Amino acid sequence: MLIREAKTSDSKEIFAWRNDLLSSSMSISNSKIDFKEHEKWYQGSIKDSKRKLYIGIISEEKIGICRFDFNASENCAEVSINLNPEMRGKGLASKLLSHSIKKYREGNLLQLKATIKKENIASIKIFKKCDFVQVDENNMCFFLKNRG
C-alpha cells in the first residue's frame, strides 16, 4: 500500500466518502456537510502544518484517508480514518491505519489518540489491531491511545 499526502485533487472523493451514509453516521459530527463547507475545510487542512492527511492507494485505487491533528495542549495527535465505501469489507482499513501511522511517525513521535463512537465496532477493532487501547469513555464514545 502506498501512503501519500492528500492533494487538492482528492477533495471531491474525500467529500463523497465523508457524506456516505455509514461514514457520516459513525462520525463524531454526524451531520452531512455541503461541498462549499467541505472545500473550505479541505483547502485549509492541506495547508495546515498541524494537520496531516494521508491517502492510501493500492493498484491506483484510493482506499481511504487517515487524518492526524496535532493537539499542542496535550502534546499528542488525534487520529481518524475514513475508508472509501467501495473498499469496505476487504480487510484494508487496519493496513491503511498502520501504514499511515508509520508515515506520520517519520516526522512525529507524539502520543496518538482516537475518539470513536461506541457503536462503531469496526473502527474499534481496527484501532485495537493497530495497538490502541481504551483509556476512558463517556456515554457516547471510547477514548483510545496508541501504545507505540
C-alpha atoms as a PDB file:
ATOM      1  CA  MET A   1       0.000   0.000   0.000  1.00  0.00           C
ATOM      2  CA  LEU A   2       1.288   3.422  -0.970  1.00  0.00           C
ATOM      3  CA  ILE A   3       0.639   6.209   1.537  1.00  0.00           C
ATOM      4  CA  ARG A   4       0.879   9.759   0.239  1.00  0.00           C
ATOM      5  CA  GLU A   5      -0.180  13.174   1.452  1.00  0.00           C
ATOM      6  CA  ALA A   6      -3.593  14.274   0.274  1.00  0.00           C
ATOM      7  CA  LYS A   7      -3.708  16.642  -2.698  1.00  0.00           C
ATOM      8  CA  THR A   8      -6.163  19.300  -3.816  1.00  0.00           C
ATOM      9  CA  SER A   9      -7.398  16.862  -6.481  1.00  0.00           C
ATOM     10  CA  ASP A  10      -8.559  14.386  -3.778  1.00  0.00           C
ATOM     11  CA  SER A  11     -11.154  16.771  -2.382  1.00  0.00           C
ATOM     12  CA  LYS A  12     -14.239  15.533  -4.260  1.00  0.00           C
ATOM     13  CA  GLU A  13     -13.628  11.879  -3.399  1.00  0.00           C
ATOM     14  CA  ILE A  14     -12.988  12.669   0.268  1.00  0.00           C
ATOM     15  CA  PHE A  15     -16.187  14.715   0.301  1.00  0.00           C
ATOM     16  CA  ALA A  16     -18.150  11.773  -1.136  1.00  0.00           C
ATOM     17  CA  TRP A  17     -16.601   9.349   1.378  1.00  0.00           C
ATOM     18  CA  ARG A  18     -17.405  11.702   4.270  1.00  0.00           C
ATOM     19  CA  ASN A  19     -21.048  12.084   3.231  1.00  0.00           C
ATOM     20  CA  ASP A  20     -21.552   8.355   2.680  1.00  0.00           C
ATOM     21  CA  LEU A  21     -24.449   7.304   4.929  1.00  0.00           C
ATOM     22  CA  LEU A  22     -22.442   4.850   7.069  1.00  0.00           C
ATOM     23  CA  SER A  23     -19.410   7.161   7.286  1.00  0.00           C
ATOM     24  CA  SER A  24     -21.446  10.160   8.387  1.00  0.00           C
ATOM     25  CA  SER A  25     -23.437   8.112  10.912  1.00  0.00           C
ATOM     26  CA  MET A  26     -20.205   6.877  12.541  1.00  0.00           C
ATOM     27  CA  SER A  27     -18.542  10.288  12.522  1.00  0.00           C
ATOM     28  CA  ILE A  28     -18.462  12.227  15.813  1.00  0.00           C
ATOM     29  CA  SER A  29     -20.056  15.144  13.978  1.00  0.00           C
ATOM     30  CA  ASN A  30     -22.561  13.050  12.078  1.00  0.00           C
ATOM     31  CA  SER A  31     -24.392  15.685  10.077  1.00  0.00           C
ATOM     32  CA  LYS A  32     -23.965  15.804   6.318  1.00  0.00           C
ATOM     33  CA  ILE A  33     -21.946  18.723   5.029  1.00  0.00           C
ATOM     34  CA  ASP A  34     -22.268  20.641   1.783  1.00  0.00           C
ATOM     35  CA  PHE A  35     -19.447  20.820  -0.739  1.00  0.00           C
ATOM     36  CA  LYS A  36     -18.718  24.510  -0.171  1.00  0.00           C
ATOM     37  CA  GLU A  37     -18.237  23.890   3.571  1.00  0.00           C
ATOM     38  CA  HIS A  38     -16.096  20.814   2.847  1.00  0.00           C
ATOM     39  CA  GLU A  39     -13.945  22.628   0.311  1.00  0.00           C
ATOM     40  CA  LYS A  40     -13.192  25.451   2.757  1.00  0.00           C
ATOM     41  CA  TRP A  41     -12.241  22.893   5.446  1.00  0.00           C
ATOM     42  CA  TYR A  42     -10.242  20.764   2.994  1.00  0.00           C
ATOM     43  CA  GLN A  43      -8.204  23.582   1.449  1.00  0.00           C
ATOM     44  CA  GLY A  44      -7.388  24.857   4.940  1.00  0.00           C
ATOM     45  CA  SER A  45      -6.493  21.337   6.086  1.00  0.00           C
ATOM     46  CA  ILE A  46      -3.965  20.579   3.367  1.00  0.00           C
ATOM     47  CA  LYS A  47      -2.184  23.870   4.170  1.00  0.00           C
ATOM     48  CA  ASP A  48      -2.333  23.434   7.972  1.00  0.00           C
ATOM     49  CA  SER A  49       1.059  22.406   9.386  1.00  0.00           C
ATOM     50  CA  LYS A  50      -0.692  20.913  12.451  1.00  0.00           C
ATOM     51  CA  ARG A  51      -2.777  18.519  10.350  1.00  0.00           C
ATOM     52  CA  LYS A  52      -1.654  15.668   8.127  1.00  0.00           C
ATOM     53  CA  LEU A  53      -3.989  13.987   5.659  1.00  0.00           C
ATOM     54  CA  TYR A  54      -2.805  10.736   4.103  1.00  0.00           C
ATOM     55  CA  ILE A  55      -4.391   8.799   1.260  1.00  0.00           C
ATOM     56  CA  GLY A  56      -3.829   5.050   0.962  1.00  0.00           C
ATOM     57  CA  ILE A  57      -3.553   3.616  -2.549  1.00  0.00           C
ATOM     58  CA  ILE A  58      -3.378   0.047  -3.862  1.00  0.00           C
ATOM     59  CA  SER A  59      -3.125  -0.571  -7.608  1.00  0.00           C
ATOM     60  CA  GLU A  60      -4.102   3.041  -8.313  1.00  0.00           C
ATOM     61  CA  GLU A  61      -7.320   2.630  -6.231  1.00  0.00           C
ATOM     62  CA  LYS A  62      -7.776   5.090  -3.363  1.00  0.00           C
ATOM     63  CA  ILE A  63      -8.513   3.075  -0.229  1.00  0.00           C
ATOM     64  CA  GLY A  64      -9.314   5.902   2.165  1.00  0.00           C
ATOM     65  CA  ILE A  65      -7.971   8.759   4.225  1.00  0.00           C
ATOM     66  CA  CYS A  66      -6.228   8.916   7.576  1.00  0.00           C
ATOM     67  CA  ARG A  67      -6.045  12.243   9.428  1.00  0.00           C
ATOM     68  CA  PHE A  68      -3.663  13.326  12.199  1.00  0.00           C
ATOM     69  CA  ASP A  69      -4.480  16.513  14.132  1.00  0.00           C
ATOM     70  CA  PHE A  70      -1.746  17.881  16.397  1.00  0.00           C
ATOM     71  CA  ASN A  71      -3.003  18.890  19.849  1.00  0.00           C
ATOM     72  CA  ALA A  72      -0.422  21.243  21.406  1.00  0.00           C
ATOM     73  CA  SER A  73      -2.014  21.364  24.861  1.00  0.00           C
ATOM     74  CA  GLU A  74      -1.763  17.574  25.227  1.00  0.00           C
ATOM     75  CA  ASN A  75       1.331  17.165  23.018  1.00  0.00           C
ATOM     76  CA  CYS A  76      -0.366  14.401  21.038  1.00  0.00           C
ATOM     77  CA  ALA A  77      -2.121  13.826  17.727  1.00  0.00           C
ATOM     78  CA  GLU A  78      -5.758  12.801  17.317  1.00  0.00           C
ATOM     79  CA  VAL A  79      -6.121  10.132  14.628  1.00  0.00           C
ATOM     80  CA  SER A  80      -9.161   9.411  12.490  1.00  0.00           C
ATOM     81  CA  ILE A  81      -9.780   7.226   9.484  1.00  0.00           C
ATOM     82  CA  ASN A  82     -12.400   7.112   6.750  1.00  0.00           C
ATOM     83  CA  LEU A  83     -12.489   4.332   4.208  1.00  0.00           C
ATOM     84  CA  ASN A  84     -13.628   4.662   0.619  1.00  0.00           C
ATOM     85  CA  PRO A  85     -17.062   2.935   0.857  1.00  0.00           C
ATOM     86  CA  GLU A  86     -16.153   0.738  -2.149  1.00  0.00           C
ATOM     87  CA  MET A  87     -13.209  -0.679  -0.170  1.00  0.00           C
ATOM     88  CA  ARG A  88     -15.140  -1.794   2.916  1.00  0.00           C
ATOM     89  CA  GLY A  89     -15.050  -5.453   3.901  1.00  0.00           C
ATOM     90  CA  LYS A  90     -11.709  -6.146   2.213  1.00  0.00           C
ATOM     91  CA  GLY A  91      -9.519  -6.017   5.331  1.00  0.00           C
ATOM     92  CA  LEU A  92      -7.794  -2.825   4.189  1.00  0.00           C
ATOM     93  CA  ALA A  93      -8.684  -0.368   6.961  1.00  0.00           C
ATOM     94  CA  SER A  94      -6.176  -1.632   9.531  1.00  0.00           C
ATOM     95  CA  LYS A  95      -3.464  -1.653   6.843  1.00  0.00           C
ATOM     96  CA  LEU A  96      -4.357   1.931   5.918  1.00  0.00           C
ATOM     97  CA  LEU A  97      -4.177   2.958   9.566  1.00  0.00           C
ATOM     98  CA  SER A  98      -0.914   1.128  10.354  1.00  0.00           C
ATOM     99  CA  HIS A  99       0.834   2.363   7.186  1.00  0.00           C
ATOM    100  CA  SER A 100      -0.400   5.915   7.818  1.00  0.00           C
ATOM    101  CA  ILE A 101       0.908   5.780  11.385  1.00  0.00           C
ATOM    102  CA  LYS A 102       4.323   4.670  10.065  1.00  0.00           C
ATOM    103  CA  LYS A 103       4.309   7.573   7.593  1.00  0.00           C
ATOM    104  CA  TYR A 104       3.268  10.063  10.287  1.00  0.00           C
ATOM    105  CA  ARG A 105       5.934   8.733  12.677  1.00  0.00           C
ATOM    106  CA  GLU A 106       8.662   9.573  10.139  1.00  0.00           C
ATOM    107  CA  GLY A 107       8.444  13.141  11.426  1.00  0.00           C
ATOM    108  CA  ASN A 108       6.462  12.852  14.673  1.00  0.00           C
ATOM    109  CA  LEU A 109       6.888  10.657  17.719  1.00  0.00           C
ATOM    110  CA  LEU A 110       3.848  12.037  19.500  1.00  0.00           C
ATOM    111  CA  GLN A 111       1.361  10.016  21.535  1.00  0.00           C
ATOM    112  CA  LEU A 112      -1.566   9.097  19.262  1.00  0.00           C
ATOM    113  CA  LYS A 113      -5.182   9.223  20.423  1.00  0.00           C
ATOM    114  CA  ALA A 114      -8.535   8.339  18.890  1.00  0.00           C
ATOM    115  CA  THR A 115     -12.143   9.093  19.812  1.00  0.00           C
ATOM    116  CA  ILE A 116     -14.577   6.506  18.472  1.00  0.00           C
ATOM    117  CA  LYS A 117     -18.330   6.193  18.835  1.00  0.00           C
ATOM    118  CA  LYS A 118     -19.254   3.153  20.917  1.00  0.00           C
ATOM    119  CA  GLU A 119     -21.466   1.818  18.123  1.00  0.00           C
ATOM    120  CA  ASN A 120     -18.588   1.958  15.617  1.00  0.00           C
ATOM    121  CA  ILE A 121     -17.468  -1.614  16.263  1.00  0.00           C
ATOM    122  CA  ALA A 122     -15.464  -1.827  13.016  1.00  0.00           C
ATOM    123  CA  SER A 123     -13.297   1.207  13.895  1.00  0.00           C
ATOM    124  CA  ILE A 124     -12.761  -0.008  17.452  1.00  0.00           C
ATOM    125  CA  LYS A 125     -11.441  -3.322  16.088  1.00  0.00           C
ATOM    126  CA  ILE A 126      -9.241  -1.547  13.537  1.00  0.00           C
ATOM    127  CA  PHE A 127      -7.630   0.727  16.118  1.00  0.00           C
ATOM    128  CA  LYS A 128      -7.121  -2.107  18.631  1.00  0.00           C
ATOM    129  CA  LYS A 129      -5.470  -4.168  15.878  1.00  0.00           C
ATOM    130  CA  CYS A 130      -3.067  -1.219  15.446  1.00  0.00           C
ATOM    131  CA  ASP A 131      -2.078  -1.291  19.137  1.00  0.00           C
ATOM    132  CA  PHE A 132      -4.533   1.257  20.531  1.00  0.00           C
ATOM    133  CA  VAL A 133      -6.013   0.606  23.963  1.00  0.00           C
ATOM    134  CA  GLN A 134      -9.071   2.111  25.622  1.00  0.00           C
ATOM    135  CA  VAL A 135      -8.177   4.660  28.308  1.00  0.00           C
ATOM    136  CA  ASP A 136     -11.559   6.255  29.005  1.00  0.00           C
ATOM    137  CA  GLU A 137     -15.148   6.544  27.823  1.00  0.00           C
ATOM    138  CA  ASN A 138     -18.242   8.677  28.098  1.00  0.00           C
ATOM    139  CA  ASN A 139     -21.840   7.827  27.271  1.00  0.00           C
ATOM    140  CA  MET A 140     -21.199   8.180  23.516  1.00  0.00           C
ATOM    141  CA  CYS A 141     -17.505   7.436  22.843  1.00  0.00           C
ATOM    142  CA  PHE A 142     -14.474   5.366  23.716  1.00  0.00           C
ATOM    143  CA  PHE A 143     -11.141   7.176  24.050  1.00  0.00           C
ATOM    144  CA  LEU A 144      -8.091   5.233  22.933  1.00  0.00           C
ATOM    145  CA  LYS A 145      -4.318   5.747  22.994  1.00  0.00           C
ATOM    146  CA  ASN A 146      -1.611   4.072  20.958  1.00  0.00           C
ATOM    147  CA  ARG A 147       0.876   2.053  22.989  1.00  0.00           C
ATOM    148  CA  GLY A 148       3.620   2.537  20.419  1.00  0.00           C
END
